[in-house]
N, C-alpha and C. Protein backbone atom coordinates (compact mmCIF):
# COMPACT_ATOMS: atom_id res chain seq x y z
N MET A 1 21.32 -8.60 -10.82
CA MET A 1 21.29 -9.95 -10.19
C MET A 1 21.16 -9.69 -8.56
N ILE A 2 20.10 -10.43 -8.08
CA ILE A 2 20.02 -10.58 -6.69
C ILE A 2 21.13 -11.01 -5.84
N LYS A 3 21.61 -10.59 -4.77
CA LYS A 3 22.52 -11.03 -3.83
C LYS A 3 21.91 -11.13 -2.43
N GLU A 4 22.45 -12.10 -1.77
CA GLU A 4 22.17 -12.34 -0.44
C GLU A 4 22.44 -11.07 0.49
N SER A 5 21.36 -10.71 1.30
CA SER A 5 21.41 -9.50 2.15
C SER A 5 20.60 -9.54 3.32
N ILE A 6 20.73 -8.72 4.12
CA ILE A 6 19.65 -8.63 5.42
C ILE A 6 19.58 -7.07 5.36
N LYS A 7 18.52 -6.68 5.42
CA LYS A 7 18.03 -5.19 5.48
C LYS A 7 17.40 -4.96 6.84
N ARG A 8 17.81 -4.13 7.65
CA ARG A 8 17.40 -3.76 8.68
C ARG A 8 16.32 -2.69 8.73
N TYR A 9 15.19 -2.93 9.74
CA TYR A 9 14.01 -2.07 9.77
C TYR A 9 14.56 -0.70 10.45
N ASN A 10 14.30 0.29 9.71
CA ASN A 10 14.55 1.72 10.23
C ASN A 10 13.18 2.44 10.53
N PRO A 11 12.50 2.53 11.60
CA PRO A 11 11.31 3.20 11.67
C PRO A 11 11.53 4.76 11.52
N GLY A 12 12.70 5.17 11.68
CA GLY A 12 13.06 6.71 11.40
C GLY A 12 12.88 7.10 9.89
N LYS A 13 12.85 6.19 9.00
CA LYS A 13 12.70 6.42 7.63
C LYS A 13 11.30 6.53 7.14
N GLU A 14 10.26 6.58 8.09
CA GLU A 14 8.95 6.50 7.60
C GLU A 14 8.65 8.19 7.16
N SER A 15 7.97 8.32 6.10
CA SER A 15 7.60 9.57 5.60
C SER A 15 6.21 9.65 5.25
N TYR A 16 5.45 10.74 5.32
CA TYR A 16 4.21 11.14 4.84
C TYR A 16 4.07 11.33 3.45
N ILE A 17 3.13 10.63 2.85
CA ILE A 17 2.79 10.89 1.37
C ILE A 17 1.57 11.46 1.27
N SER A 18 1.37 12.21 0.09
CA SER A 18 0.08 13.13 -0.20
C SER A 18 -1.14 12.03 -0.34
N GLU A 19 -0.98 10.80 -0.57
CA GLU A 19 -1.89 9.94 -0.71
C GLU A 19 -2.77 9.73 0.60
N GLY A 20 -2.22 10.28 1.62
CA GLY A 20 -2.92 10.11 3.09
C GLY A 20 -2.44 9.29 3.99
N CYS A 21 -1.09 8.70 3.90
CA CYS A 21 -0.56 7.74 4.80
C CYS A 21 1.01 7.93 4.92
N TYR A 22 1.37 7.15 5.83
CA TYR A 22 2.90 7.13 6.05
C TYR A 22 3.41 5.88 5.53
N ILE A 23 4.63 5.94 4.83
CA ILE A 23 5.29 4.90 4.27
C ILE A 23 6.73 4.84 4.84
N THR A 24 7.07 3.55 4.94
CA THR A 24 8.55 3.32 5.12
C THR A 24 9.00 2.06 4.23
N GLU A 25 9.87 2.59 3.18
CA GLU A 25 10.23 1.57 2.26
C GLU A 25 11.16 0.49 2.81
N LEU A 26 10.69 -0.70 2.90
CA LEU A 26 11.55 -1.86 3.36
C LEU A 26 12.54 -2.36 2.44
N LEU A 27 12.01 -2.48 1.12
CA LEU A 27 12.81 -2.96 0.12
C LEU A 27 12.33 -2.43 -1.19
N ASN A 28 13.36 -1.79 -1.82
CA ASN A 28 12.89 -1.22 -3.21
C ASN A 28 14.37 -0.71 -3.67
N ALA A 29 14.76 -1.72 -4.46
CA ALA A 29 16.30 -1.59 -5.00
C ALA A 29 16.27 -1.67 -6.47
N PRO A 30 17.03 -1.05 -7.29
CA PRO A 30 17.06 -1.14 -8.81
C PRO A 30 17.72 -2.51 -9.14
N ASP A 31 18.54 -3.18 -8.16
CA ASP A 31 18.96 -4.46 -8.46
C ASP A 31 18.16 -5.56 -8.23
N ASP A 32 17.04 -5.20 -7.78
CA ASP A 32 15.95 -6.22 -7.56
C ASP A 32 14.59 -5.74 -8.03
N HIS A 33 14.41 -5.56 -9.43
CA HIS A 33 13.32 -5.16 -10.05
C HIS A 33 12.07 -5.87 -9.76
N THR A 34 12.06 -7.01 -9.38
CA THR A 34 11.00 -7.89 -9.43
C THR A 34 10.02 -7.69 -8.27
N ILE A 35 10.49 -6.96 -7.26
CA ILE A 35 9.56 -6.85 -6.16
C ILE A 35 10.01 -5.50 -5.20
N SER A 36 8.99 -5.00 -4.66
CA SER A 36 9.29 -3.86 -3.46
C SER A 36 8.41 -4.08 -2.35
N ILE A 37 8.74 -3.91 -1.20
CA ILE A 37 7.92 -4.00 -0.03
C ILE A 37 8.19 -2.69 0.63
N ALA A 38 6.84 -2.16 1.06
CA ALA A 38 6.73 -0.94 2.02
C ALA A 38 5.80 -1.31 3.11
N ARG A 39 6.15 -0.69 4.30
CA ARG A 39 5.12 -0.60 5.45
C ARG A 39 4.53 0.75 5.37
N ALA A 40 3.04 0.48 5.32
CA ALA A 40 2.30 1.62 5.30
C ALA A 40 1.37 1.67 6.59
N ARG A 41 1.08 3.03 7.04
CA ARG A 41 0.51 3.27 8.21
C ARG A 41 -0.55 4.42 7.98
N VAL A 42 -1.93 4.18 8.27
CA VAL A 42 -3.06 5.02 8.11
C VAL A 42 -3.51 5.35 9.44
N GLY A 43 -3.75 6.45 9.77
CA GLY A 43 -4.29 7.02 11.02
C GLY A 43 -5.94 6.67 11.10
N PRO A 44 -6.39 6.72 12.26
CA PRO A 44 -7.85 6.43 12.56
C PRO A 44 -8.51 7.51 11.91
N GLY A 45 -9.59 7.07 11.11
CA GLY A 45 -10.54 7.86 10.50
C GLY A 45 -10.05 8.37 8.93
N VAL A 46 -8.86 8.02 8.73
CA VAL A 46 -8.30 8.54 7.37
C VAL A 46 -8.75 7.71 6.28
N THR A 47 -8.97 8.41 5.12
CA THR A 47 -9.34 7.58 3.90
C THR A 47 -8.08 8.04 2.98
N THR A 48 -7.49 6.99 2.33
CA THR A 48 -6.29 7.45 1.20
C THR A 48 -7.09 8.05 -0.02
N LYS A 49 -6.19 8.63 -0.71
CA LYS A 49 -6.82 9.03 -2.00
C LYS A 49 -7.04 7.93 -3.07
N TRP A 50 -8.06 7.92 -3.82
CA TRP A 50 -8.26 7.05 -5.08
C TRP A 50 -6.94 7.03 -5.82
N HIS A 51 -6.41 5.93 -6.07
CA HIS A 51 -5.24 5.85 -6.99
C HIS A 51 -5.17 4.60 -7.77
N ARG A 52 -4.17 4.37 -8.68
CA ARG A 52 -3.96 3.05 -9.12
C ARG A 52 -2.34 3.10 -9.69
N LEU A 53 -1.98 1.98 -9.97
CA LEU A 53 -0.54 1.80 -10.40
C LEU A 53 -0.45 1.31 -11.83
N ARG A 54 0.23 2.04 -12.54
CA ARG A 54 0.41 1.44 -14.02
C ARG A 54 1.40 0.36 -14.13
N GLY A 55 1.20 -0.70 -14.55
CA GLY A 55 2.20 -1.75 -14.82
C GLY A 55 2.60 -2.51 -13.57
N ILE A 56 2.03 -2.12 -12.32
CA ILE A 56 2.47 -2.69 -11.05
C ILE A 56 1.16 -3.40 -10.49
N SER A 57 1.25 -4.60 -10.02
CA SER A 57 0.34 -5.18 -9.20
C SER A 57 0.73 -5.08 -7.70
N GLU A 58 -0.17 -4.89 -6.91
CA GLU A 58 0.00 -4.90 -5.24
C GLU A 58 -0.65 -5.90 -4.49
N ARG A 59 -0.17 -6.20 -3.37
CA ARG A 59 -0.72 -6.89 -2.43
C ARG A 59 -0.56 -6.26 -1.10
N TYR A 60 -1.82 -6.06 -0.61
CA TYR A 60 -1.72 -5.37 0.99
C TYR A 60 -2.01 -6.43 1.89
N VAL A 61 -0.95 -6.76 2.82
CA VAL A 61 -0.97 -7.76 3.84
C VAL A 61 -1.41 -6.93 5.21
N ILE A 62 -2.50 -7.03 5.68
CA ILE A 62 -2.87 -6.34 6.85
C ILE A 62 -2.29 -6.84 8.13
N LEU A 63 -1.48 -5.90 8.84
CA LEU A 63 -0.85 -6.51 10.05
C LEU A 63 -1.58 -6.03 11.32
N GLU A 64 -2.08 -4.75 11.32
CA GLU A 64 -2.76 -4.37 12.37
C GLU A 64 -4.02 -3.42 11.96
N GLY A 65 -4.97 -3.33 12.81
CA GLY A 65 -6.06 -2.40 12.56
C GLY A 65 -7.24 -3.17 11.69
N THR A 66 -8.25 -2.08 11.49
CA THR A 66 -9.38 -2.70 10.68
C THR A 66 -9.76 -1.45 9.70
N ALA A 67 -9.98 -1.98 8.38
CA ALA A 67 -10.19 -1.03 7.34
C ALA A 67 -11.33 -1.19 6.44
N LYS A 68 -11.92 -0.42 5.85
CA LYS A 68 -12.78 -0.54 4.76
C LYS A 68 -11.89 -0.41 3.52
N ALA A 69 -11.85 -1.62 2.61
CA ALA A 69 -11.13 -1.60 1.37
C ALA A 69 -11.94 -1.40 0.28
N GLU A 70 -11.54 -0.58 -0.61
CA GLU A 70 -12.47 -0.36 -1.80
C GLU A 70 -11.40 -0.67 -3.04
N VAL A 71 -11.60 -1.60 -3.83
CA VAL A 71 -10.70 -2.08 -4.80
C VAL A 71 -11.62 -2.50 -6.00
N GLY A 72 -11.15 -1.79 -7.15
CA GLY A 72 -11.85 -2.02 -8.40
C GLY A 72 -13.32 -2.09 -8.27
N GLU A 73 -13.99 -3.10 -8.92
CA GLU A 73 -15.44 -3.23 -8.82
C GLU A 73 -16.00 -4.09 -7.74
N LEU A 74 -15.16 -4.58 -6.80
CA LEU A 74 -15.52 -5.27 -5.68
C LEU A 74 -16.27 -4.21 -4.79
N PRO A 75 -17.36 -4.85 -3.97
CA PRO A 75 -18.08 -3.97 -3.07
C PRO A 75 -17.09 -3.75 -1.80
N PRO A 76 -17.19 -2.39 -1.28
CA PRO A 76 -16.44 -2.15 -0.21
C PRO A 76 -16.51 -3.14 0.93
N SER A 77 -15.25 -3.59 1.54
CA SER A 77 -15.16 -4.88 2.48
C SER A 77 -14.30 -4.38 3.43
N GLU A 78 -14.70 -4.91 4.68
CA GLU A 78 -14.05 -4.78 6.01
C GLU A 78 -12.89 -5.77 5.82
N VAL A 79 -11.64 -5.28 6.36
CA VAL A 79 -10.36 -6.13 6.29
C VAL A 79 -9.75 -5.96 7.70
N ASN A 80 -9.08 -7.18 8.32
CA ASN A 80 -8.45 -7.01 9.43
C ASN A 80 -7.21 -7.75 9.41
N ALA A 81 -6.55 -7.67 10.56
CA ALA A 81 -4.96 -8.32 10.56
C ALA A 81 -5.17 -9.81 9.94
N GLY A 82 -4.29 -9.95 8.99
CA GLY A 82 -4.18 -11.31 8.46
C GLY A 82 -4.69 -11.46 7.13
N ASP A 83 -5.58 -10.32 6.74
CA ASP A 83 -6.26 -10.45 5.56
C ASP A 83 -5.34 -9.80 4.45
N ILE A 84 -5.40 -10.23 3.06
CA ILE A 84 -4.71 -9.78 2.05
C ILE A 84 -5.48 -9.36 1.04
N ILE A 85 -5.22 -8.06 0.58
CA ILE A 85 -5.77 -7.58 -0.73
C ILE A 85 -5.06 -7.72 -1.89
N THR A 86 -5.68 -8.09 -2.88
CA THR A 86 -4.87 -8.26 -4.29
C THR A 86 -5.30 -7.23 -5.02
N ILE A 87 -4.44 -6.29 -5.60
CA ILE A 87 -4.86 -5.31 -6.48
C ILE A 87 -4.19 -5.32 -7.87
N PRO A 88 -4.74 -5.70 -8.99
CA PRO A 88 -4.11 -5.72 -10.17
C PRO A 88 -3.63 -4.42 -10.57
N SER A 89 -2.74 -4.44 -11.73
CA SER A 89 -2.36 -3.15 -12.22
C SER A 89 -3.41 -2.38 -12.77
N MET A 90 -3.50 -1.07 -12.83
CA MET A 90 -4.46 -0.01 -13.14
C MET A 90 -5.77 -0.17 -12.42
N CYS A 91 -5.98 -1.07 -11.40
CA CYS A 91 -7.25 -1.08 -10.60
C CYS A 91 -7.22 -0.01 -9.63
N ARG A 92 -8.28 0.68 -9.55
CA ARG A 92 -8.58 1.76 -8.72
C ARG A 92 -8.66 1.20 -7.12
N GLN A 93 -7.98 2.08 -6.15
CA GLN A 93 -7.98 1.59 -4.82
C GLN A 93 -7.96 2.66 -3.86
N ARG A 94 -8.33 2.43 -2.67
CA ARG A 94 -8.30 3.08 -1.50
C ARG A 94 -8.75 2.31 -0.35
N VAL A 95 -8.17 2.87 0.85
CA VAL A 95 -8.51 2.27 2.12
C VAL A 95 -8.99 3.25 3.19
N THR A 96 -9.83 3.01 3.95
CA THR A 96 -10.19 3.96 5.07
C THR A 96 -10.01 3.12 6.48
N ASN A 97 -9.20 3.69 7.26
CA ASN A 97 -9.01 3.18 8.69
C ASN A 97 -10.28 3.31 9.52
N ILE A 98 -11.09 2.22 9.65
CA ILE A 98 -12.37 2.37 10.58
C ILE A 98 -12.12 1.91 12.00
N GLY A 99 -10.86 1.76 12.31
CA GLY A 99 -10.55 1.25 13.86
C GLY A 99 -10.23 2.44 14.59
N SER A 100 -10.00 2.23 15.94
CA SER A 100 -9.52 3.41 16.79
C SER A 100 -8.08 3.50 16.90
N GLY A 101 -7.26 2.61 16.46
CA GLY A 101 -5.72 2.62 16.27
C GLY A 101 -5.31 2.79 14.88
N ASP A 102 -3.96 2.85 14.70
CA ASP A 102 -3.54 2.93 13.31
C ASP A 102 -3.83 1.53 12.49
N LEU A 103 -3.97 1.70 11.07
CA LEU A 103 -4.16 0.65 10.19
C LEU A 103 -2.53 0.49 9.68
N VAL A 104 -2.09 -0.75 9.84
CA VAL A 104 -0.57 -1.08 9.45
C VAL A 104 -0.75 -2.18 8.38
N PHE A 105 -0.15 -2.08 7.08
CA PHE A 105 -0.20 -3.16 6.29
C PHE A 105 1.17 -3.02 5.40
N LEU A 106 1.56 -4.24 4.96
CA LEU A 106 2.66 -4.24 3.95
C LEU A 106 2.16 -3.91 2.55
N ALA A 107 2.76 -3.33 1.76
CA ALA A 107 2.33 -3.06 0.36
C ALA A 107 3.48 -3.74 -0.30
N ILE A 108 3.05 -5.02 -1.13
CA ILE A 108 4.13 -5.64 -1.82
C ILE A 108 3.74 -5.54 -3.22
N CYS A 109 4.75 -4.88 -4.03
CA CYS A 109 4.56 -4.67 -5.34
C CYS A 109 5.39 -5.57 -6.22
N THR A 110 4.83 -5.88 -7.31
CA THR A 110 5.49 -6.60 -8.48
C THR A 110 5.06 -6.08 -9.75
N PRO A 111 6.02 -5.66 -10.62
CA PRO A 111 7.49 -5.44 -10.35
C PRO A 111 7.60 -4.29 -9.41
N ARG A 112 8.73 -3.94 -8.95
CA ARG A 112 9.07 -3.05 -7.89
C ARG A 112 8.32 -1.73 -8.10
N PHE A 113 7.72 -0.92 -7.16
CA PHE A 113 7.19 0.45 -7.13
C PHE A 113 8.23 1.48 -7.59
N ILE A 114 7.80 2.13 -8.68
CA ILE A 114 8.44 3.25 -9.17
C ILE A 114 7.40 4.50 -9.07
N ASP A 115 8.00 5.67 -8.75
CA ASP A 115 6.90 6.81 -8.68
C ASP A 115 6.18 6.99 -9.92
N SER A 116 6.72 6.98 -11.20
CA SER A 116 6.12 7.21 -12.39
C SER A 116 5.04 6.48 -12.59
N ALA A 117 4.87 5.22 -11.99
CA ALA A 117 3.76 4.23 -12.20
C ALA A 117 2.44 4.83 -11.37
N TYR A 118 2.58 5.54 -10.28
CA TYR A 118 1.38 6.11 -9.45
C TYR A 118 0.51 7.11 -10.33
N GLU A 119 -0.85 6.84 -10.16
CA GLU A 119 -1.58 7.91 -10.89
C GLU A 119 -2.70 8.12 -9.78
N ASP A 120 -2.89 9.33 -9.47
CA ASP A 120 -3.82 9.87 -8.52
C ASP A 120 -5.11 10.12 -9.45
N ILE A 121 -5.95 9.43 -9.01
CA ILE A 121 -7.35 9.54 -9.85
C ILE A 121 -8.46 10.40 -9.27
N GLY A 122 -8.10 11.10 -8.31
CA GLY A 122 -8.93 12.15 -7.74
C GLY A 122 -10.08 11.52 -7.20
N ASN A 123 -11.22 12.52 -7.19
CA ASN A 123 -12.33 12.36 -6.37
C ASN A 123 -13.38 11.54 -7.16
N MET A 124 -13.35 10.37 -7.15
CA MET A 124 -14.22 9.52 -7.83
C MET A 124 -15.59 9.34 -7.32
N THR A 125 -16.63 8.98 -7.77
CA THR A 125 -17.95 8.86 -7.17
C THR A 125 -17.83 7.72 -6.13
N ASP A 126 -18.22 8.24 -4.91
CA ASP A 126 -17.99 7.29 -3.82
C ASP A 126 -19.17 6.16 -3.79
């Protein structure tokens, strides 16, 4: 059951993940299995690994920076602050920071992200 709460942002909780970016979990709680929200940060020139999520859809809300988004069968597209990328379950995805500063976005997952749903799909043909 969801209860009222206020969660405080803690930038000290940021951690590097092998996908190639830094993640700060903002909301990911077993008592709210419907959604999780993470802040992701990708350094200039970095491309994250090809991956997909089993049973989880994602939305990336771009907050800062410019990226090349590669999602499913869509052609690679430039995205900027304010853009939203929708990624269905089992859809291959990666982003490349093509700007000079950090790329920062919210990764909103429904249902909530769990580690066992993550699939590294390796070096696919670019």
